Structures are given as structure tokens and as C-alpha cells.
C-alpha atoms as a PDB file:
ATOM      1  CA  MET A   1      -7.693  18.726 -13.427  1.00  0.00           C
ATOM      2  CA  LYS A   2     -10.566  17.911 -10.856  1.00  0.00           C
ATOM      3  CA  GLU A   3      -9.780  17.788  -6.965  1.00  0.00           C
ATOM      4  CA  LEU A   4      -8.446  14.359  -6.070  1.00  0.00           C
ATOM      5  CA  LEU A   5     -10.040  12.277  -3.695  1.00  0.00           C
ATOM      6  CA  VAL A   6      -7.473  11.812  -1.002  1.00  0.00           C
ATOM      7  CA  GLY A   7      -7.017   9.418   2.004  1.00  0.00           C
ATOM      8  CA  ASN A   8      -4.601   8.376   4.551  1.00  0.00           C
ATOM      9  CA  ALA A   9      -3.890   5.137   6.119  1.00  0.00           C
ATOM     10  CA  PRO A  10      -2.803   3.827   9.796  1.00  0.00           C
ATOM     11  CA  CYS A  11       0.475   3.129   8.605  1.00  0.00           C
ATOM     12  CA  SER A  12       1.310   6.745   8.552  1.00  0.00           C
ATOM     13  CA  TRP A  13       0.558   6.926  12.239  1.00  0.00           C
ATOM     14  CA  GLY A  14       2.960   3.977  12.808  1.00  0.00           C
ATOM     15  CA  THR A  15       0.495   0.933  12.589  1.00  0.00           C
ATOM     16  CA  LEU A  16       2.566  -1.397  10.439  1.00  0.00           C
ATOM     17  CA  GLU A  17       2.116  -5.462  10.246  1.00  0.00           C
ATOM     18  CA  ASN A  18       4.654  -7.527  12.379  1.00  0.00           C
ATOM     19  CA  GLN A  19       5.839  -4.534  14.421  1.00  0.00           C
ATOM     20  CA  ASP A  20       5.602  -4.044  18.209  1.00  0.00           C
ATOM     21  CA  GLN A  21       2.534  -2.259  19.008  1.00  0.00           C
ATOM     22  CA  SER A  22       2.813  -1.128  22.309  1.00  0.00           C
ATOM     23  CA  LYS A  23       3.427   2.283  21.069  1.00  0.00           C
ATOM     24  CA  THR A  24       0.552   2.098  18.508  1.00  0.00           C
ATOM     25  CA  ILE A  25      -1.549   5.457  18.366  1.00  0.00           C
ATOM     26  CA  PRO A  26      -5.214   4.307  19.166  1.00  0.00           C
ATOM     27  CA  PHE A  27      -7.492   4.101  16.212  1.00  0.00           C
ATOM     28  CA  SER A  28     -10.012   6.808  17.267  1.00  0.00           C
ATOM     29  CA  GLN A  29      -7.271   9.500  17.789  1.00  0.00           C
ATOM     30  CA  MET A  30      -5.833   8.329  14.165  1.00  0.00           C
ATOM     31  CA  LEU A  31      -9.228   8.910  12.579  1.00  0.00           C
ATOM     32  CA  ASP A  32      -9.613  12.257  14.389  1.00  0.00           C
ATOM     33  CA  GLU A  33      -6.177  13.411  13.116  1.00  0.00           C
ATOM     34  CA  LEU A  34      -6.823  12.058   9.787  1.00  0.00           C
ATOM     35  CA  VAL A  35     -10.163  14.101   9.376  1.00  0.00           C
ATOM     36  CA  GLU A  36      -8.581  17.077  11.126  1.00  0.00           C
ATOM     37  CA  THR A  37      -5.710  17.025   8.296  1.00  0.00           C
ATOM     38  CA  GLY A  38      -8.269  17.060   5.317  1.00  0.00           C
ATOM     39  CA  TYR A  39      -8.331  13.641   4.170  1.00  0.00           C
ATOM     40  CA  THR A  40     -11.823  11.862   3.324  1.00  0.00           C
ATOM     41  CA  GLY A  41     -10.754   8.056   3.291  1.00  0.00           C
ATOM     42  CA  THR A  42      -8.685   5.487   5.198  1.00  0.00           C
ATOM     43  CA  GLU A  43      -7.939   1.723   5.069  1.00  0.00           C
ATOM     44  CA  LEU A  44      -8.497  -0.714   7.674  1.00  0.00           C
ATOM     45  CA  GLY A  45      -5.194  -1.351   9.215  1.00  0.00           C
ATOM     46  CA  ASP A  46      -4.147  -4.439  10.960  1.00  0.00           C
ATOM     47  CA  TRP A  47      -7.121  -6.749  11.702  1.00  0.00           C
ATOM     48  CA  GLY A  48      -8.442  -5.413  15.347  1.00  0.00           C
ATOM     49  CA  TYR A  49      -6.884  -2.190  14.924  1.00  0.00           C
ATOM     50  CA  MET A  50     -10.111  -0.718  14.261  1.00  0.00           C
ATOM     51  CA  PRO A  51     -13.373  -2.025  15.562  1.00  0.00           C
ATOM     52  CA  THR A  52     -14.293  -5.430  13.727  1.00  0.00           C
ATOM     53  CA  ASP A  53     -18.013  -4.884  14.452  1.00  0.00           C
ATOM     54  CA  PRO A  54     -19.674  -3.738  11.433  1.00  0.00           C
ATOM     55  CA  ALA A  55     -21.982  -1.605  13.213  1.00  0.00           C
ATOM     56  CA  ARG A  56     -19.543   0.029  15.610  1.00  0.00           C
ATOM     57  CA  LEU A  57     -16.807   0.455  12.724  1.00  0.00           C
ATOM     58  CA  SER A  58     -19.297   2.319  10.441  1.00  0.00           C
ATOM     59  CA  GLU A  59     -20.582   4.580  13.425  1.00  0.00           C
ATOM     60  CA  GLU A  60     -17.157   5.517  14.062  1.00  0.00           C
ATOM     61  CA  LEU A  61     -16.370   6.342  10.062  1.00  0.00           C
ATOM     62  CA  ARG A  62     -19.904   8.010   9.759  1.00  0.00           C
ATOM     63  CA  ARG A  63     -19.457  10.505  12.901  1.00  0.00           C
ATOM     64  CA  ARG A  64     -16.175  11.707  11.513  1.00  0.00           C
ATOM     65  CA  ASN A  65     -17.745  13.346   8.359  1.00  0.00           C
ATOM     66  CA  ASN A  66     -18.473   9.883   6.953  1.00  0.00           C
ATOM     67  CA  VAL A  67     -14.987   8.532   6.274  1.00  0.00           C
ATOM     68  CA  VAL A  68     -14.886   6.355   3.459  1.00  0.00           C
ATOM     69  CA  MET A  69     -13.288   2.809   3.713  1.00  0.00           C
ATOM     70  CA  LEU A  70     -10.861   2.412   1.107  1.00  0.00           C
ATOM     71  CA  GLY A  71      -9.318  -0.916   1.692  1.00  0.00           C
ATOM     72  CA  ALA A  72      -7.774  -3.566   3.705  1.00  0.00           C
ATOM     73  CA  PHE A  73      -4.135  -4.857   3.623  1.00  0.00           C
ATOM     74  CA  VAL A  74      -3.911  -8.636   4.269  1.00  0.00           C
ATOM     75  CA  PRO A  75      -0.171 -10.249   3.968  1.00  0.00           C
ATOM     76  CA  VAL A  76      -0.029 -13.957   2.927  1.00  0.00           C
ATOM     77  CA  ALA A  77       2.889 -15.848   2.490  1.00  0.00           C
ATOM     78  CA  LEU A  78       1.898 -16.881  -0.925  1.00  0.00           C
ATOM     79  CA  LYS A  79       5.313 -18.957  -1.465  1.00  0.00           C
ATOM     80  CA  PHE A  80       3.962 -21.399   0.676  1.00  0.00           C
ATOM     81  CA  LYS A  81       1.085 -23.191  -0.448  1.00  0.00           C
ATOM     82  CA  ARG A  82       0.429 -24.381   3.352  1.00  0.00           C
ATOM     83  CA  ALA A  83      -0.565 -20.746   4.094  1.00  0.00           C
ATOM     84  CA  HIS A  84      -2.999 -20.379   1.171  1.00  0.00           C
ATOM     85  CA  GLU A  85      -6.362 -21.716   2.882  1.00  0.00           C
ATOM     86  CA  GLU A  86      -5.720 -19.816   6.406  1.00  0.00           C
ATOM     87  CA  GLY A  87      -4.700 -16.544   4.097  1.00  0.00           C
ATOM     88  CA  SER A  88      -7.671 -17.063   2.078  1.00  0.00           C
ATOM     89  CA  GLN A  89      -9.760 -17.497   5.326  1.00  0.00           C
ATOM     90  CA  ARG A  90      -8.665 -14.103   6.640  1.00  0.00           C
ATOM     91  CA  ALA A  91      -8.840 -12.196   3.293  1.00  0.00           C
ATOM     92  CA  VAL A  92     -12.356 -13.377   2.978  1.00  0.00           C
ATOM     93  CA  LYS A  93     -13.292 -12.236   6.693  1.00  0.00           C
ATOM     94  CA  THR A  94     -11.469  -8.958   6.242  1.00  0.00           C
ATOM     95  CA  ALA A  95     -13.183  -8.149   2.911  1.00  0.00           C
ATOM     96  CA  LYS A  96     -16.611  -9.095   4.584  1.00  0.00           C
ATOM     97  CA  LEU A  97     -15.807  -6.558   7.372  1.00  0.00           C
ATOM     98  CA  ILE A  98     -15.123  -3.396   4.637  1.00  0.00           C
ATOM     99  CA  ALA A  99     -18.063  -4.671   2.562  1.00  0.00           C
ATOM    100  CA  ALA A 100     -20.297  -4.208   5.393  1.00  0.00           C
ATOM    101  CA  VAL A 101     -19.127  -0.535   6.008  1.00  0.00           C
ATOM    102  CA  ALA A 102     -18.837   0.430   2.280  1.00  0.00           C
ATOM    103  CA  THR A 103     -20.528   3.746   1.136  1.00  0.00           C
ATOM    104  CA  THR A 104     -19.498   5.662  -1.538  1.00  0.00           C
ATOM    105  CA  GLN A 105     -17.377   3.320  -3.423  1.00  0.00           C
ATOM    106  CA  ALA A 106     -16.454  -0.425  -3.208  1.00  0.00           C
ATOM    107  CA  PRO A 107     -13.187  -0.638  -1.062  1.00  0.00           C
ATOM    108  CA  PHE A 108     -10.537  -3.103  -2.210  1.00  0.00           C
ATOM    109  CA  LEU A 109      -8.937  -6.258  -0.475  1.00  0.00           C
ATOM    110  CA  VAL A 110      -5.181  -5.096  -0.615  1.00  0.00           C
ATOM    111  CA  LEU A 111      -3.465  -8.634  -1.132  1.00  0.00           C
ATOM    112  CA  SER A 112       0.535  -9.079  -0.383  1.00  0.00           C
ATOM    113  CA  ASP A 113       3.264 -11.210   0.420  1.00  0.00           C
ATOM    114  CA  ASP A 114       4.365 -11.433   4.149  1.00  0.00           C
ATOM    115  CA  ASN A 115       6.731  -8.825   3.755  1.00  0.00           C
ATOM    116  CA  GLY A 116       9.493  -8.709   6.057  1.00  0.00           C
ATOM    117  CA  THR A 117       9.467 -12.135   7.275  1.00  0.00           C
ATOM    118  CA  ASP A 118      12.139 -13.713   4.828  1.00  0.00           C
ATOM    119  CA  PRO A 119      15.441 -12.600   6.031  1.00  0.00           C
ATOM    120  CA  ILE A 120      17.090 -12.726   2.716  1.00  0.00           C
ATOM    121  CA  ARG A 121      14.384 -10.366   1.091  1.00  0.00           C
ATOM    122  CA  THR A 122      14.539  -8.270   4.008  1.00  0.00           C
ATOM    123  CA  GLN A 123      18.305  -8.107   3.832  1.00  0.00           C
ATOM    124  CA  ARG A 124      18.334  -7.112   0.318  1.00  0.00           C
ATOM    125  CA  ALA A 125      15.405  -4.849  -0.158  1.00  0.00           C
ATOM    126  CA  GLY A 126      16.099  -2.144  -2.615  1.00  0.00           C
ATOM    127  CA  SER A 127      18.798  -4.287  -4.372  1.00  0.00           C
ATOM    128  CA  ILE A 128      17.270  -7.503  -5.110  1.00  0.00           C
ATOM    129  CA  ARG A 129      19.099 -10.043  -7.520  1.00  0.00           C
ATOM    130  CA  ALA A 130      17.664 -12.329  -9.633  1.00  0.00           C
ATOM    131  CA  MET A 131      18.833 -15.158  -7.357  1.00  0.00           C
ATOM    132  CA  ASP A 132      16.808 -13.837  -4.446  1.00  0.00           C
ATOM    133  CA  GLY A 133      13.551 -14.401  -6.208  1.00  0.00           C
ATOM    134  CA  LEU A 134      11.187 -17.336  -6.710  1.00  0.00           C
ATOM    135  CA  SER A 135      11.690 -20.664  -8.448  1.00  0.00           C
ATOM    136  CA  LYS A 136       9.503 -21.523 -11.160  1.00  0.00           C
ATOM    137  CA  GLU A 137       7.426 -23.699  -9.228  1.00  0.00           C
ATOM    138  CA  GLU A 138       7.269 -21.344  -6.362  1.00  0.00           C
ATOM    139  CA  TRP A 139       6.278 -18.791  -8.924  1.00  0.00           C
ATOM    140  CA  ARG A 140       3.196 -21.132 -10.088  1.00  0.00           C
ATOM    141  CA  VAL A 141       2.305 -21.662  -6.277  1.00  0.00           C
ATOM    142  CA  PHE A 142       2.435 -18.020  -5.543  1.00  0.00           C
ATOM    143  CA  ALA A 143       0.402 -16.958  -8.227  1.00  0.00           C
ATOM    144  CA  ASN A 144      -2.132 -19.545  -7.802  1.00  0.00           C
ATOM    145  CA  GLY A 145      -2.487 -18.467  -4.118  1.00  0.00           C
ATOM    146  CA  ALA A 146      -3.071 -15.043  -5.263  1.00  0.00           C
ATOM    147  CA  ASP A 147      -5.640 -16.146  -7.740  1.00  0.00           C
ATOM    148  CA  GLU A 148      -7.628 -18.188  -5.516  1.00  0.00           C
ATOM    149  CA  ILE A 149      -7.837 -15.573  -2.652  1.00  0.00           C
ATOM    150  CA  ALA A 150      -8.864 -13.048  -5.283  1.00  0.00           C
ATOM    151  CA  GLN A 151     -11.491 -15.421  -6.529  1.00  0.00           C
ATOM    152  CA  ALA A 152     -12.708 -16.470  -2.993  1.00  0.00           C
ATOM    153  CA  VAL A 153     -13.005 -12.772  -2.006  1.00  0.00           C
ATOM    154  CA  PHE A 154     -15.145 -11.703  -5.116  1.00  0.00           C
ATOM    155  CA  ASP A 155     -17.622 -14.887  -4.769  1.00  0.00           C
ATOM    156  CA  GLU A 156     -17.899 -14.035  -1.173  1.00  0.00           C
ATOM    157  CA  THR A 157     -18.396  -9.957  -1.109  1.00  0.00           C
ATOM    158  CA  GLY A 158     -18.216  -8.933  -4.910  1.00  0.00           C
ATOM    159  CA  LEU A 159     -15.132  -7.013  -3.980  1.00  0.00           C
ATOM    160  CA  ARG A 160     -11.844  -6.832  -5.882  1.00  0.00           C
ATOM    161  CA  THR A 161      -8.336  -7.399  -5.016  1.00  0.00           C
ATOM    162  CA  VAL A 162      -5.429  -5.363  -5.508  1.00  0.00           C
ATOM    163  CA  PHE A 163      -1.883  -6.589  -5.030  1.00  0.00           C
ATOM    164  CA  HIS A 164       0.809  -4.701  -3.482  1.00  0.00           C
ATOM    165  CA  HIS A 165       4.151  -4.740  -4.517  1.00  0.00           C
ATOM    166  CA  HIS A 166       6.250  -4.173  -1.580  1.00  0.00           C
ATOM    167  CA  CYS A 167      10.009  -4.050  -0.618  1.00  0.00           C
ATOM    168  CA  ALA A 168      11.104  -6.741   1.667  1.00  0.00           C
ATOM    169  CA  GLY A 169       8.793  -9.294   0.106  1.00  0.00           C
ATOM    170  CA  TYR A 170       9.037 -11.740  -2.953  1.00  0.00           C
ATOM    171  CA  ILE A 171       6.992  -8.887  -5.415  1.00  0.00           C
ATOM    172  CA  GLU A 172       9.333  -6.072  -5.189  1.00  0.00           C
ATOM    173  CA  ALA A 173      11.213  -5.352  -8.354  1.00  0.00           C
ATOM    174  CA  PRO A 174       9.450  -4.138 -11.659  1.00  0.00           C
ATOM    175  CA  GLU A 175      10.487  -7.708 -13.175  1.00  0.00           C
ATOM    176  CA  GLU A 176       8.784  -9.634 -10.447  1.00  0.00           C
ATOM    177  CA  ILE A 177       5.603  -7.254 -10.637  1.00  0.00           C
ATOM    178  CA  GLU A 178       5.450  -7.883 -14.330  1.00  0.00           C
ATOM    179  CA  MET A 179       5.592 -11.709 -13.873  1.00  0.00           C
ATOM    180  CA  LEU A 180       2.956 -12.107 -11.111  1.00  0.00           C
ATOM    181  CA  LEU A 181       0.475  -9.870 -13.199  1.00  0.00           C
ATOM    182  CA  ALA A 182       1.267 -12.068 -16.524  1.00  0.00           C
ATOM    183  CA  MET A 183       0.533 -15.068 -14.152  1.00  0.00           C
ATOM    184  CA  THR A 184      -2.893 -13.987 -12.710  1.00  0.00           C
ATOM    185  CA  ASN A 185      -6.215 -13.140 -13.834  1.00  0.00           C
ATOM    186  CA  PRO A 186      -6.579  -9.476 -15.012  1.00  0.00           C
ATOM    187  CA  GLU A 187     -10.256  -9.689 -14.212  1.00  0.00           C
ATOM    188  CA  ARG A 188      -9.756 -10.801 -10.167  1.00  0.00           C
ATOM    189  CA  LEU A 189      -6.488  -9.548  -9.504  1.00  0.00           C
ATOM    190  CA  GLY A 190      -5.107  -5.662  -9.837  1.00  0.00           C
ATOM    191  CA  LEU A 191      -2.502  -3.912  -8.848  1.00  0.00           C
ATOM    192  CA  VAL A 192      -2.349  -1.090  -6.387  1.00  0.00           C
ATOM    193  CA  PHE A 193       0.722   0.904  -7.408  1.00  0.00           C
ATOM    194  CA  ASP A 194       2.898   2.026  -4.433  1.00  0.00           C
ATOM    195  CA  SER A 195       4.977   5.100  -5.658  1.00  0.00           C
ATOM    196  CA  GLY A 196       7.729   4.679  -3.047  1.00  0.00           C
ATOM    197  CA  HIS A 197       8.079   0.930  -2.852  1.00  0.00           C
ATOM    198  CA  TYR A 198       8.388   0.882  -7.050  1.00  0.00           C
ATOM    199  CA  VAL A 199      11.143   3.252  -6.997  1.00  0.00           C
ATOM    200  CA  HIS A 200      13.104   1.754  -3.964  1.00  0.00           C
ATOM    201  CA  GLY A 201      12.342  -1.815  -5.366  1.00  0.00           C
ATOM    202  CA  ALA A 202      13.597  -0.883  -8.793  1.00  0.00           C
ATOM    203  CA  GLY A 203      16.816   0.532  -7.247  1.00  0.00           C
ATOM    204  CA  ARG A 204      16.954   3.464  -9.225  1.00  0.00           C
ATOM    205  CA  GLU A 205      16.205   6.988  -7.817  1.00  0.00           C
ATOM    206  CA  ASP A 206      16.225   8.713 -11.207  1.00  0.00           C
ATOM    207  CA  LEU A 207      13.421   6.412 -12.255  1.00  0.00           C
ATOM    208  CA  ASP A 208      10.786   7.626 -14.883  1.00  0.00           C
ATOM    209  CA  ILE A 209       7.637   7.443 -12.824  1.00  0.00           C
ATOM    210  CA  VAL A 210       5.434   7.958 -15.923  1.00  0.00           C
ATOM    211  CA  ALA A 211       7.196   5.019 -17.656  1.00  0.00           C
ATOM    212  CA  ALA A 212       6.413   2.944 -14.687  1.00  0.00           C
ATOM    213  CA  LEU A 213       2.926   3.619 -14.498  1.00  0.00           C
ATOM    214  CA  ASP A 214       2.578   3.055 -18.204  1.00  0.00           C
ATOM    215  CA  ARG A 215       4.259  -0.372 -17.644  1.00  0.00           C
ATOM    216  CA  PHE A 216       1.167  -1.509 -15.807  1.00  0.00           C
ATOM    217  CA  ALA A 217      -1.300   0.868 -16.658  1.00  0.00           C
ATOM    218  CA  GLY A 218      -3.925  -1.746 -17.765  1.00  0.00           C
ATOM    219  CA  ARG A 219      -4.046  -3.611 -14.288  1.00  0.00           C
ATOM    220  CA  ILE A 220      -3.400  -0.455 -11.919  1.00  0.00           C
ATOM    221  CA  TRP A 221      -6.788  -0.046 -10.127  1.00  0.00           C
ATOM    222  CA  TYR A 222      -5.696   2.147  -7.276  1.00  0.00           C
ATOM    223  CA  VAL A 223      -2.676   4.177  -6.233  1.00  0.00           C
ATOM    224  CA  HIS A 224      -0.840   4.692  -2.908  1.00  0.00           C
ATOM    225  CA  LEU A 225       1.314   8.198  -2.717  1.00  0.00           C
ATOM    226  CA  LYS A 226       4.545   7.501  -1.060  1.00  0.00           C
ATOM    227  CA  ASP A 227       7.901   9.382  -1.398  1.00  0.00           C
ATOM    228  CA  LEU A 228      11.386   8.096  -1.203  1.00  0.00           C
ATOM    229  CA  ASP A 229      14.621   9.746   0.283  1.00  0.00           C
ATOM    230  CA  ALA A 230      17.318   8.928  -2.452  1.00  0.00           C
ATOM    231  CA  LYS A 231      20.059   9.470   0.099  1.00  0.00           C
ATOM    232  CA  ILE A 232      18.823   6.925   2.558  1.00  0.00           C
ATOM    233  CA  ALA A 233      17.908   4.590  -0.413  1.00  0.00           C
ATOM    234  CA  ARG A 234      21.741   4.550  -1.721  1.00  0.00           C
ATOM    235  CA  ARG A 235      23.036   4.481   1.855  1.00  0.00           C
ATOM    236  CA  SER A 236      21.039   1.592   2.703  1.00  0.00           C
ATOM    237  CA  ARG A 237      22.379  -0.264  -0.492  1.00  0.00           C
ATOM    238  CA  GLU A 238      25.817   1.067   0.568  1.00  0.00           C
ATOM    239  CA  GLU A 239      25.907  -0.170   3.994  1.00  0.00           C
ATOM    240  CA  GLU A 240      23.836  -2.997   3.337  1.00  0.00           C
ATOM    241  CA  TRP A 241      21.211  -2.267   5.720  1.00  0.00           C
ATOM    242  CA  ASP A 242      18.111  -4.317   5.958  1.00  0.00           C
ATOM    243  CA  TYR A 243      14.778  -2.795   5.249  1.00  0.00           C
ATOM    244  CA  PHE A 244      13.681  -1.973   8.698  1.00  0.00           C
ATOM    245  CA  THR A 245      17.040  -0.096   9.355  1.00  0.00           C
ATOM    246  CA  ALA A 246      16.268   1.751   6.265  1.00  0.00           C
ATOM    247  CA  MET A 247      12.984   2.823   7.599  1.00  0.00           C
ATOM    248  CA  ARG A 248      14.271   3.933  11.045  1.00  0.00           C
ATOM    249  CA  ASN A 249      16.849   6.150   9.114  1.00  0.00           C
ATOM    250  CA  GLY A 250      13.844   7.948   7.246  1.00  0.00           C
ATOM    251  CA  LEU A 251      13.586   5.926   4.090  1.00  0.00           C
ATOM    252  CA  TYR A 252       9.830   7.198   3.546  1.00  0.00           C
ATOM    253  CA  PRO A 253       9.805  11.092   4.164  1.00  0.00           C
ATOM    254  CA  GLU A 254       6.891  13.460   3.863  1.00  0.00           C
ATOM    255  CA  LEU A 255       5.624  13.934   0.497  1.00  0.00           C
ATOM    256  CA  GLY A 256       7.776  16.261  -1.924  1.00  0.00           C
ATOM    257  CA  LYS A 257      10.836  15.578   0.206  1.00  0.00           C
ATOM    258  CA  GLY A 258      12.250  12.576  -1.589  1.00  0.00           C
ATOM    259  CA  CYS A 259      12.562  11.784  -5.363  1.00  0.00           C
ATOM    260  CA  VAL A 260       9.416  10.644  -6.528  1.00  0.00           C
ATOM    261  CA  ASP A 261       7.860  12.857  -9.270  1.00  0.00           C
ATOM    262  CA  PHE A 262       4.300  13.425  -8.013  1.00  0.00           C
ATOM    263  CA  PRO A 263       3.526  16.239 -10.130  1.00  0.00           C
ATOM    264  CA  ALA A 264       4.095  13.565 -13.120  1.00  0.00           C
ATOM    265  CA  LEU A 265       2.317  10.992 -11.228  1.00  0.00           C
ATOM    266  CA  LEU A 266      -0.807  13.041 -10.727  1.00  0.00           C
ATOM    267  CA  ARG A 267      -0.912  14.209 -14.169  1.00  0.00           C
ATOM    268  CA  TRP A 268      -0.814  10.773 -15.572  1.00  0.00           C
ATOM    269  CA  LEU A 269      -3.758  10.144 -13.386  1.00  0.00           C
ATOM    270  CA  ALA A 270      -5.558  13.155 -14.761  1.00  0.00           C
ATOM    271  CA  LYS A 271      -4.971  12.213 -18.361  1.00  0.00           C
ATOM    272  CA  ARG A 272      -6.290   8.899 -17.766  1.00  0.00           C
ATOM    273  CA  ASP A 273      -9.803  10.173 -15.929  1.00  0.00           C
ATOM    274  CA  TYR A 274      -8.788   8.367 -12.697  1.00  0.00           C
ATOM    275  CA  LYS A 275     -11.930   8.625 -10.830  1.00  0.00           C
ATOM    276  CA  GLY A 276     -10.826   6.674  -7.608  1.00  0.00           C
ATOM    277  CA  TYR A 277      -8.950   7.659  -4.326  1.00  0.00           C
ATOM    278  CA  VAL A 278      -5.273   8.026  -3.994  1.00  0.00           C
ATOM    279  CA  LEU A 279      -4.061   6.905  -0.315  1.00  0.00           C
ATOM    280  CA  VAL A 280      -0.898   8.556   1.054  1.00  0.00           C
ATOM    281  CA  GLU A 281       1.230   6.280   2.821  1.00  0.00           C
ATOM    282  CA  GLN A 282       4.086   7.828   4.738  1.00  0.00           C
ATOM    283  CA  ASP A 283       5.283   4.421   6.362  1.00  0.00           C
ATOM    284  CA  ILE A 284       6.998   4.724   9.882  1.00  0.00           C
ATOM    285  CA  LEU A 285       7.691   2.540  12.623  1.00  0.00           C
ATOM    286  CA  PRO A 286       5.768   2.595  15.746  1.00  0.00           C
ATOM    287  CA  GLY A 287       6.426   5.843  18.019  1.00  0.00           C
ATOM    288  CA  VAL A 288       8.733   7.342  15.363  1.00  0.00           C
ATOM    289  CA  GLY A 289       8.142  10.883  13.585  1.00  0.00           C
ATOM    290  CA  THR A 290       4.960  13.499  13.957  1.00  0.00           C
ATOM    291  CA  PRO A 291       2.292  11.672  12.349  1.00  0.00           C
ATOM    292  CA  LYS A 292      -0.596  14.295  12.540  1.00  0.00           C
ATOM    293  CA  GLU A 293       1.999  17.029  11.557  1.00  0.00           C
ATOM    294  CA  SER A 294       3.268  15.095   8.767  1.00  0.00           C
ATOM    295  CA  ALA A 295      -0.229  14.144   7.372  1.00  0.00           C
ATOM    296  CA  ALA A 296      -1.295  17.754   7.274  1.00  0.00           C
ATOM    297  CA  ARG A 297       1.737  18.877   5.345  1.00  0.00           C
ATOM    298  CA  ASN A 298       1.733  15.974   2.929  1.00  0.00           C
ATOM    299  CA  ARG A 299      -2.099  17.236   2.174  1.00  0.00           C
ATOM    300  CA  GLU A 300      -0.913  20.568   1.495  1.00  0.00           C
ATOM    301  CA  TYR A 301       1.536  19.360  -0.650  1.00  0.00           C
ATOM    302  CA  ILE A 302      -0.930  17.602  -2.805  1.00  0.00           C
ATOM    303  CA  ARG A 303      -3.184  20.543  -3.022  1.00  0.00           C
ATOM    304  CA  SER A 304      -0.253  22.602  -4.024  1.00  0.00           C
ATOM    305  CA  ILE A 305       0.441  20.108  -6.921  1.00  0.00           C
ATOM    306  CA  GLU A 306      -3.510  20.505  -7.691  1.00  0.00           C
ATOM    307  CA  GLU A 307      -3.197  24.307  -7.683  1.00  0.00           C
ATOM    308  CA  ASN A 308      -0.722  24.241  -9.996  1.00  0.00           C
ATOM    309  CA  PHE A 309      -2.879  22.430 -12.357  1.00  0.00           C
ATOM    310  CA  ALA A 310      -5.709  24.588 -12.154  1.00  0.00           C
END
């Protein structure tokens, strides 16, 4: 197995959408620590976290060993038609920035629902029922919005869009992912497979990750590596915690300390000759955890798997 291309993201340093940013680690520190702990790629983070001037952003990445810009996360409340135009404008604006700083490979626009804003989906994250989902008309609006944004991004920048299934949003459970992919253009909208969100969204900590990857193989263009603490996931369901309570209690641990079968996942990628980056995401809330130390241990864990494959 050839050495993986591995990036990490601002969310591993506590920069998460819809959260109090008063304890946010500055982007300059985050990028310095990312490079120091062995990563060569990153994502943009929330708009305004990193510089939004392409020349300055390019310089910040260049002087840190040419860190590769891999993508940018753009949440849009796709259930609501009224959110589509503004969401498309944000997506295109964001895509133009990351396209302008692209180097060795084209980054992805990472589209998602506006996760954590619907009280029912946030409360039931990890234990979604059919009744918690979209209606037939809402599915049509949601899928059309995703398609339109992906097409606008491609038309304006040439970049491809991947959809990020995400707990506490409307595309969480495996059946919801399947439905969205069936209703959208496979040439314009792919999937970023997020291991931690997938296992938690499926509500089964013993899930066969290879079967999950096989299920969506034709649409997986990008991969996020995230682990899941099985005990916390089960407790969150038993005690009916909402998504953010589960996160505060350590839902997403360091890689190798949860229930995701990363050796199997990486073998699957190698078998399919996956050539892109994998992105480590250890989602933590602002001011929580030990981001640099965790990033270093996560990178070493991935190296240990690669060594076992050699």
C-alpha cells in the first residue's frame, strides 16, 4: 500500500459551525500545528476563519510547506427552497476562493445540510426514526437544491461538489444517504464518506465498514476519517442526549480509540487504488481537548496501520 496523503481540518482544533468562537484557536496556530504533526493538507473551515483574500491565503499555505487546500464545508438548509439562492451564492463564493489557491489537486466544495439547527434532528442524532425524516415534497426540494448548488459551483469554478452526510442534519441515516444519491446527478454530486458520522448515524457500533463503503462505492469521491466512542454513542441513545451533549462527552475520540475499523477502511481504499487525500476530523467543541497532541497521535495511528500493510 502506497503512503496515504493525509490532511487534517480546523474542526479538529475546535472550529465548528454554529458554535461560540470566543475560544477559537487562531488559524495561524492551527496551520503551524497541523504541519508540525505531520499533515500536508487542510480544509478551509468557516468562512473568515482563514484569510479570504486568495493571495494572502496562498502565501499562508505556501510558507507552511505548501499545505494543500482540500476543500471547504458549506452548510445550507436545503429543506427550505428559500435558502437555496443564498446558499448557492455562498457555495460559489467559497469555491472561487479554494479554486484560486488550488495546487497539486482540485479541492472539493463540501456541501451539507445546516446541521444542528433543527431541534428534533439534533435531539435524535444517532437514533433517527423514519418519522423524523423529510416528506416526499421536502425530499424533492432538498435534492433539487443540492443539484443546483453543485451545478453552479461547477459552472463557475470547475470544482466538483461532495455531499457530507452528518449527524444532527437531515442526511444522517444510511437510507437517507442512499435516497439523496438516488435523487441527484452522479456527475455533479459525489459523497464524502465520513466514518464516524456514518457509524453513529446508522445507530450500530458493530457496523461492517466495508459493507457501508461498498454500498456507496460509485459515489465516494473523498473520505473523512473520524472515530466513534461506542460507549458514549450507546449512552447518548439510552439517556436521550442531544448531539452536542454527546460531543461534549467525547463522542469522537482519537483514531483507534473508538469502534471504527480503520484498517479495513484503509485496505478498502488501497484495493480501489484511491489516489486522493483522506482527511482526519476529530470534531471537538471550542476550547475542548488537546488538539495538537491529538493530531499527532492520530497521524501516528495512521502510520502504524500503513506499516502493517507494508
